[in-house]
Structure formats: structure tokens, C-alpha cells
PDB file of N, CA and C in Angstrom:
ATOM      1  N   UNK A   1       0.860  -1.172   0.000  1.00  0.00           N
ATOM      2  CA  UNK A   1       0.000   0.000   0.000  1.00  0.00           C
ATOM      3  C   UNK A   1       0.908   1.237   0.000  1.00  0.00           C
ATOM      4  N   UNK A   2       0.620   2.158  -0.871  1.00  0.00           N
ATOM      5  CA  UNK A   2       1.407   3.378  -0.996  1.00  0.00           C
ATOM      6  C   UNK A   2       0.666   4.551  -0.381  1.00  0.00           C
ATOM      7  N   UNK A   3       1.430   5.506   0.108  1.00  0.00           N
ATOM      8  CA  UNK A   3       0.810   6.683   0.702  1.00  0.00           C
ATOM      9  C   UNK A   3       0.704   7.805  -0.331  1.00  0.00           C
ATOM     10  N   UNK A   4      -0.299   8.635  -0.121  1.00  0.00           N
ATOM     11  CA  UNK A   4      -0.514   9.784  -0.987  1.00  0.00           C
ATOM     12  C   UNK A   4       0.000  11.062  -0.329  1.00  0.00           C
ATOM     13  N   UNK A   5      -0.192  11.156   0.979  1.00  0.00           N
ATOM     14  CA  UNK A   5       0.197  12.365   1.698  1.00  0.00           C
ATOM     15  C   UNK A   5       0.561  12.035   3.133  1.00  0.00           C
ATOM     16  N   UNK A   6       1.542  12.733   3.675  1.00  0.00           N
ATOM     17  CA  UNK A   6       1.892  12.634   5.095  1.00  0.00           C
ATOM     18  C   UNK A   6       1.841  14.045   5.666  1.00  0.00           C
ATOM     19  N   UNK A   7       1.062  14.220   6.738  1.00  0.00           N
ATOM     20  CA  UNK A   7       0.947  15.513   7.414  1.00  0.00           C
ATOM     21  C   UNK A   7       1.539  15.368   8.803  1.00  0.00           C
ATOM     22  N   UNK A   8       2.484  16.234   9.142  1.00  0.00           N
ATOM     23  CA  UNK A   8       3.130  16.224  10.454  1.00  0.00           C
ATOM     24  C   UNK A   8       2.806  17.544  11.150  1.00  0.00           C
ATOM     25  N   UNK A   9       2.091  17.456  12.249  1.00  0.00           N
ATOM     26  CA  UNK A   9       1.636  18.648  12.963  1.00  0.00           C
ATOM     27  C   UNK A   9       2.784  19.598  13.295  1.00  0.00           C
ATOM     28  N   UNK A  10       3.912  19.071  13.737  1.00  0.00           N
ATOM     29  CA  UNK A  10       5.038  19.914  14.162  1.00  0.00           C
ATOM     30  C   UNK A  10       5.555  20.806  13.039  1.00  0.00           C
ATOM     31  N   UNK A  11       5.351  20.424  11.804  1.00  0.00           N
ATOM     32  CA  UNK A  11       5.783  21.259  10.687  1.00  0.00           C
ATOM     33  C   UNK A  11       4.984  22.555  10.594  1.00  0.00           C
ATOM     34  N   UNK A  12       3.849  22.612  11.274  1.00  0.00           N
ATOM     35  CA  UNK A  12       2.996  23.799  11.253  1.00  0.00           C
ATOM     36  C   UNK A  12       3.371  24.795  12.338  1.00  0.00           C
ATOM     37  N   UNK A  13       4.186  24.367  13.301  1.00  0.00           N
ATOM     38  CA  UNK A  13       4.557  25.200  14.437  1.00  0.00           C
ATOM     39  C   UNK A  13       5.643  26.191  14.062  1.00  0.00           C
ATOM     40  N   UNK A  14       5.788  27.208  14.907  1.00  0.00           N
ATOM     41  CA  UNK A  14       6.950  28.090  14.785  1.00  0.00           C
ATOM     42  C   UNK A  14       8.176  27.284  15.224  1.00  0.00           C
ATOM     43  N   UNK A  15       9.330  27.840  15.100  1.00  0.00           N
ATOM     44  CA  UNK A  15      10.551  27.124  15.469  1.00  0.00           C
ATOM     45  C   UNK A  15      10.846  27.179  16.959  1.00  0.00           C
ATOM     46  N   UNK A  16       9.929  27.672  17.765  1.00  0.00           N
ATOM     47  CA  UNK A  16      10.172  27.846  19.190  1.00  0.00           C
ATOM     48  C   UNK A  16       9.546  26.724  20.004  1.00  0.00           C
ATOM     49  N   UNK A  17      10.145  25.542  19.929  1.00  0.00           N
ATOM     50  CA  UNK A  17       9.706  24.431  20.758  1.00  0.00           C
ATOM     51  C   UNK A  17      10.915  23.555  21.073  1.00  0.00           C
ATOM     52  N   UNK A  18      10.795  22.764  22.118  1.00  0.00           N
ATOM     53  CA  UNK A  18      11.885  21.911  22.586  1.00  0.00           C
ATOM     54  C   UNK A  18      11.725  20.531  21.954  1.00  0.00           C
ATOM     55  N   UNK A  19      12.611  20.158  21.053  1.00  0.00           N
ATOM     56  CA  UNK A  19      12.468  18.875  20.361  1.00  0.00           C
ATOM     57  C   UNK A  19      12.572  17.687  21.300  1.00  0.00           C
ATOM     58  N   UNK A  20      13.118  17.896  22.494  1.00  0.00           N
ATOM     59  CA  UNK A  20      13.255  16.815  23.462  1.00  0.00           C
ATOM     60  C   UNK A  20      12.076  16.717  24.421  1.00  0.00           C
ATOM     61  N   UNK A  21      11.204  17.727  24.428  1.00  0.00           N
ATOM     62  CA  UNK A  21      10.073  17.768  25.353  1.00  0.00           C
ATOM     63  C   UNK A  21       8.823  18.178  24.579  1.00  0.00           C
ATOM     64  N   UNK A  22       8.350  17.281  23.728  1.00  0.00           N
ATOM     65  CA  UNK A  22       7.240  17.639  22.845  1.00  0.00           C
ATOM     66  C   UNK A  22       6.471  16.389  22.434  1.00  0.00           C
ATOM     67  N   UNK A  23       5.279  16.615  21.899  1.00  0.00           N
ATOM     68  CA  UNK A  23       4.506  15.555  21.258  1.00  0.00           C
ATOM     69  C   UNK A  23       3.869  16.122  20.008  1.00  0.00           C
ATOM     70  N   UNK A  24       3.636  15.273  19.038  1.00  0.00           N
ATOM     71  CA  UNK A  24       3.076  15.735  17.775  1.00  0.00           C
ATOM     72  C   UNK A  24       2.257  14.629  17.135  1.00  0.00           C
ATOM     73  N   UNK A  25       1.281  15.018  16.353  1.00  0.00           N
ATOM     74  CA  UNK A  25       0.453  14.072  15.615  1.00  0.00           C
ATOM     75  C   UNK A  25       0.935  13.962  14.179  1.00  0.00           C
ATOM     76  N   UNK A  26       0.765  12.775  13.617  1.00  0.00           N
ATOM     77  CA  UNK A  26       1.109  12.523  12.220  1.00  0.00           C
ATOM     78  C   UNK A  26      -0.077  11.817  11.579  1.00  0.00           C
ATOM     79  N   UNK A  27      -0.454  12.265  10.377  1.00  0.00           N
ATOM     80  CA  UNK A  27      -1.539  11.625   9.642  1.00  0.00           C
ATOM     81  C   UNK A  27      -1.007  11.181   8.286  1.00  0.00           C
ATOM     82  N   UNK A  28      -1.271   9.926   7.943  1.00  0.00           N
ATOM     83  CA  UNK A  28      -0.880   9.385   6.648  1.00  0.00           C
ATOM     84  C   UNK A  28      -2.157   9.075   5.875  1.00  0.00           C
ATOM     85  N   UNK A  29      -2.244   9.594   4.663  1.00  0.00           N
ATOM     86  CA  UNK A  29      -3.383   9.323   3.791  1.00  0.00           C
ATOM     87  C   UNK A  29      -2.883   8.410   2.664  1.00  0.00           C
ATOM     88  N   UNK A  30      -3.538   7.275   2.515  1.00  0.00           N
ATOM     89  CA  UNK A  30      -3.122   6.292   1.534  1.00  0.00           C
ATOM     90  C   UNK A  30      -3.843   6.504   0.204  1.00  0.00           C
ATOM     91  N   UNK A  31      -3.329   5.877  -0.834  1.00  0.00           N
ATOM     92  CA  UNK A  31      -3.889   6.024  -2.180  1.00  0.00           C
ATOM     93  C   UNK A  31      -5.375   5.703  -2.243  1.00  0.00           C
ATOM     94  N   UNK A  32      -5.803   4.716  -1.456  1.00  0.00           N
ATOM     95  CA  UNK A  32      -7.213   4.307  -1.503  1.00  0.00           C
ATOM     96  C   UNK A  32      -8.118   5.191  -0.636  1.00  0.00           C
ATOM     97  N   UNK A  33      -7.548   6.234  -0.012  1.00  0.00           N
ATOM     98  CA  UNK A  33      -8.337   7.172   0.778  1.00  0.00           C
ATOM     99  C   UNK A  33      -8.379   6.875   2.268  1.00  0.00           C
ATOM    100  N   UNK A  34      -7.903   5.715   2.697  1.00  0.00           N
ATOM    101  CA  UNK A  34      -7.890   5.440   4.127  1.00  0.00           C
ATOM    102  C   UNK A  34      -6.820   6.290   4.806  1.00  0.00           C
ATOM    103  N   UNK A  35      -7.042   6.539   6.081  1.00  0.00           N
ATOM    104  CA  UNK A  35      -6.127   7.383   6.847  1.00  0.00           C
ATOM    105  C   UNK A  35      -5.661   6.649   8.097  1.00  0.00           C
ATOM    106  N   UNK A  36      -4.438   6.931   8.483  1.00  0.00           N
ATOM    107  CA  UNK A  36      -3.889   6.419   9.737  1.00  0.00           C
ATOM    108  C   UNK A  36      -3.327   7.613  10.502  1.00  0.00           C
ATOM    109  N   UNK A  37      -3.553   7.634  11.800  1.00  0.00           N
ATOM    110  CA  UNK A  37      -3.100   8.745  12.631  1.00  0.00           C
ATOM    111  C   UNK A  37      -2.311   8.175  13.802  1.00  0.00           C
ATOM    112  N   UNK A  38      -1.215   8.850  14.151  1.00  0.00           N
ATOM    113  CA  UNK A  38      -0.405   8.435  15.296  1.00  0.00           C
ATOM    114  C   UNK A  38       0.079   9.672  16.033  1.00  0.00           C
ATOM    115  N   UNK A  39       0.277   9.526  17.324  1.00  0.00           N
ATOM    116  CA  UNK A  39       0.862  10.588  18.133  1.00  0.00           C
ATOM    117  C   UNK A  39       2.235  10.114  18.591  1.00  0.00           C
ATOM    118  N   UNK A  40       3.240  10.960  18.403  1.00  0.00           N
ATOM    119  CA  UNK A  40       4.602  10.661  18.818  1.00  0.00           C
ATOM    120  C   UNK A  40       4.937  11.548  20.006  1.00  0.00           C
ATOM    121  N   UNK A  41       5.464  10.933  21.067  1.00  0.00           N
ATOM    122  CA  UNK A  41       5.724  11.631  22.326  1.00  0.00           C
ATOM    123  C   UNK A  41       7.138  11.292  22.785  1.00  0.00           C
ATOM    124  N   UNK A  42       7.897  12.307  23.174  1.00  0.00           N
ATOM    125  CA  UNK A  42       9.229  12.040  23.708  1.00  0.00           C
ATOM    126  C   UNK A  42       9.115  11.593  25.168  1.00  0.00           C
ATOM    127  N   UNK A  43      10.120  10.861  25.634  1.00  0.00           N
ATOM    128  CA  UNK A  43      10.122  10.427  27.039  1.00  0.00           C
ATOM    129  C   UNK A  43      10.098  11.625  27.979  1.00  0.00           C
ATOM    130  N   UNK A  44      10.848  12.656  27.654  1.00  0.00           N
ATOM    131  CA  UNK A  44      10.887  13.850  28.506  1.00  0.00           C
ATOM    132  C   UNK A  44       9.507  14.506  28.570  1.00  0.00           C
ATOM    133  N   UNK A  45       8.756  14.483  27.472  1.00  0.00           N
ATOM    134  CA  UNK A  45       7.424  15.075  27.464  1.00  0.00           C
ATOM    135  C   UNK A  45       6.471  14.293  28.354  1.00  0.00           C
ATOM    136  N   UNK A  46       6.613  12.985  28.374  1.00  0.00           N
ATOM    137  CA  UNK A  46       5.783  12.169  29.266  1.00  0.00           C
ATOM    138  C   UNK A  46       6.046  12.565  30.720  1.00  0.00           C
ATOM    139  N   UNK A  47       7.318  12.720  31.073  1.00  0.00           N
ATOM    140  CA  UNK A  47       7.658  13.106  32.445  1.00  0.00           C
ATOM    141  C   UNK A  47       7.153  14.517  32.752  1.00  0.00           C
ATOM    142  N   UNK A  48       7.271  15.437  31.807  1.00  0.00           N
ATOM    143  CA  UNK A  48       6.781  16.809  32.019  1.00  0.00           C
ATOM    144  C   UNK A  48       5.276  16.821  32.236  1.00  0.00           C
ATOM    145  N   UNK A  49       4.557  16.039  31.434  1.00  0.00           N
ATOM    146  CA  UNK A  49       3.103  15.978  31.582  1.00  0.00           C
ATOM    147  C   UNK A  49       2.715  15.359  32.922  1.00  0.00           C
ATOM    148  N   UNK A  50       3.416  14.306  33.343  1.00  0.00           N
ATOM    149  CA  UNK A  50       3.128  13.692  34.650  1.00  0.00           C
ATOM    150  C   UNK A  50       3.360  14.678  35.781  1.00  0.00           C
ATOM    151  N   UNK A  51       4.467  15.426  35.725  1.00  0.00           N
ATOM    152  CA  UNK A  51       4.764  16.407  36.774  1.00  0.00           C
ATOM    153  C   UNK A  51       3.695  17.491  36.819  1.00  0.00           C
ATOM    154  N   UNK A  52       3.303  17.998  35.653  1.00  0.00           N
ATOM    155  CA  UNK A  52       2.250  19.013  35.600  1.00  0.00           C
ATOM    156  C   UNK A  52       0.947  18.458  36.170  1.00  0.00           C
ATOM    157  N   UNK A  53       0.605  17.235  35.780  1.00  0.00           N
ATOM    158  CA  UNK A  53      -0.651  16.636  36.232  1.00  0.00           C
ATOM    159  C   UNK A  53      -0.640  16.314  37.720  1.00  0.00           C
ATOM    160  N   UNK A  54       0.517  15.979  38.266  1.00  0.00           N
ATOM    161  CA  UNK A  54       0.610  15.781  39.713  1.00  0.00           C
ATOM    162  C   UNK A  54       0.321  17.085  40.439  1.00  0.00           C
ATOM    163  N   UNK A  55       0.817  18.182  39.889  1.00  0.00           N
ATOM    164  CA  UNK A  55       0.621  19.493  40.520  1.00  0.00           C
ATOM    165  C   UNK A  55      -0.818  19.985  40.390  1.00  0.00           C
ATOM    166  N   UNK A  56      -1.471  19.692  39.248  1.00  0.00           N
ATOM    167  CA  UNK A  56      -2.814  20.216  39.007  1.00  0.00           C
ATOM    168  C   UNK A  56      -3.920  19.251  39.411  1.00  0.00           C
ATOM    169  N   UNK A  57      -3.569  17.970  39.619  1.00  0.00           N
ATOM    170  CA  UNK A  57      -4.576  16.978  39.949  1.00  0.00           C
ATOM    171  C   UNK A  57      -5.213  16.337  38.730  1.00  0.00           C
ATOM    172  N   UNK A  58      -4.804  16.748  37.545  1.00  0.00           N
ATOM    173  CA  UNK A  58      -5.352  16.156  36.321  1.00  0.00           C
ATOM    174  C   UNK A  58      -4.877  14.714  36.165  1.00  0.00           C
ATOM    175  N   UNK A  59      -5.618  13.942  35.365  1.00  0.00           N
ATOM    176  CA  UNK A  59      -5.225  12.567  35.003  1.00  0.00           C
ATOM    177  C   UNK A  59      -4.887  11.751  36.251  1.00  0.00           C
ATOM    178  N   UNK A  60      -5.820  11.779  37.197  1.00  0.00           N
ATOM    179  CA  UNK A  60      -5.635  11.088  38.482  1.00  0.00           C
ATOM    180  C   UNK A  60      -4.341  11.485  39.152  1.00  0.00           C
ATOM    181  N   UNK A  61      -4.099  12.776  39.178  1.00  0.00           N
ATOM    182  CA  UNK A  61      -2.902  13.362  39.807  1.00  0.00           C
ATOM    183  C   UNK A  61      -1.603  12.803  39.227  1.00  0.00           C
ATOM    184  N   UNK A  62      -1.589  12.659  37.900  1.00  0.00           N
ATOM    185  CA  UNK A  62      -0.368  12.225  37.232  1.00  0.00           C
ATOM    186  C   UNK A  62      -0.163  10.725  37.191  1.00  0.00           C
ATOM    187  N   UNK A  63      -1.162   9.941  37.603  1.00  0.00           N
ATOM    188  CA  UNK A  63      -1.014   8.479  37.536  1.00  0.00           C
ATOM    189  C   UNK A  63      -0.953   7.979  36.098  1.00  0.00           C
ATOM    190  N   UNK A  64      -1.475   8.743  35.189  1.00  0.00           N
ATOM    191  CA  UNK A  64      -1.220   8.534  33.776  1.00  0.00           C
ATOM    192  C   UNK A  64      -0.997   9.912  33.187  1.00  0.00           C
ATOM    193  N   UNK A  65      -0.252   9.997  32.138  1.00  0.00           N
ATOM    194  CA  UNK A  65       0.120  11.316  31.647  1.00  0.00           C
ATOM    195  C   UNK A  65      -0.982  11.906  30.840  1.00  0.00           C
TER     196      UNK A  65
END
């Protein structure tokens, strides 16, 4: 199966982000029109989200990011 288009959310951002502490979505559109979507997350971003959620009480106080 061949792809027709790949869209990477991070390509839409300004250049002011930390490549080591980020997450982004990617969408692949195939020739037959089906789509696949994935989210890519750095390990540092997972830890940052857990720390924030522990402080705010979100996501069961950081028990999941």
C-alpha cells in the first residue's frame, strides 16, 4: 500500500519548541483514501506531563500522563 500524503503537525509550528520535550500528531493518507493517525511523544514530554498533572490533579494526579 502506498501513501498519498503525510501531514506532520510539528511542521505547522513556529521554530520555538523543545524537540526533546514535545509531542506531535502525524496523519498518513493512503492512495485508496484510508487514513492512519499516530501521536509521537518524547520520554521527557511524558515526564513533564506527569509532573504538571501531579501538581494540578489532572489525570488522576499524574497516575497517567
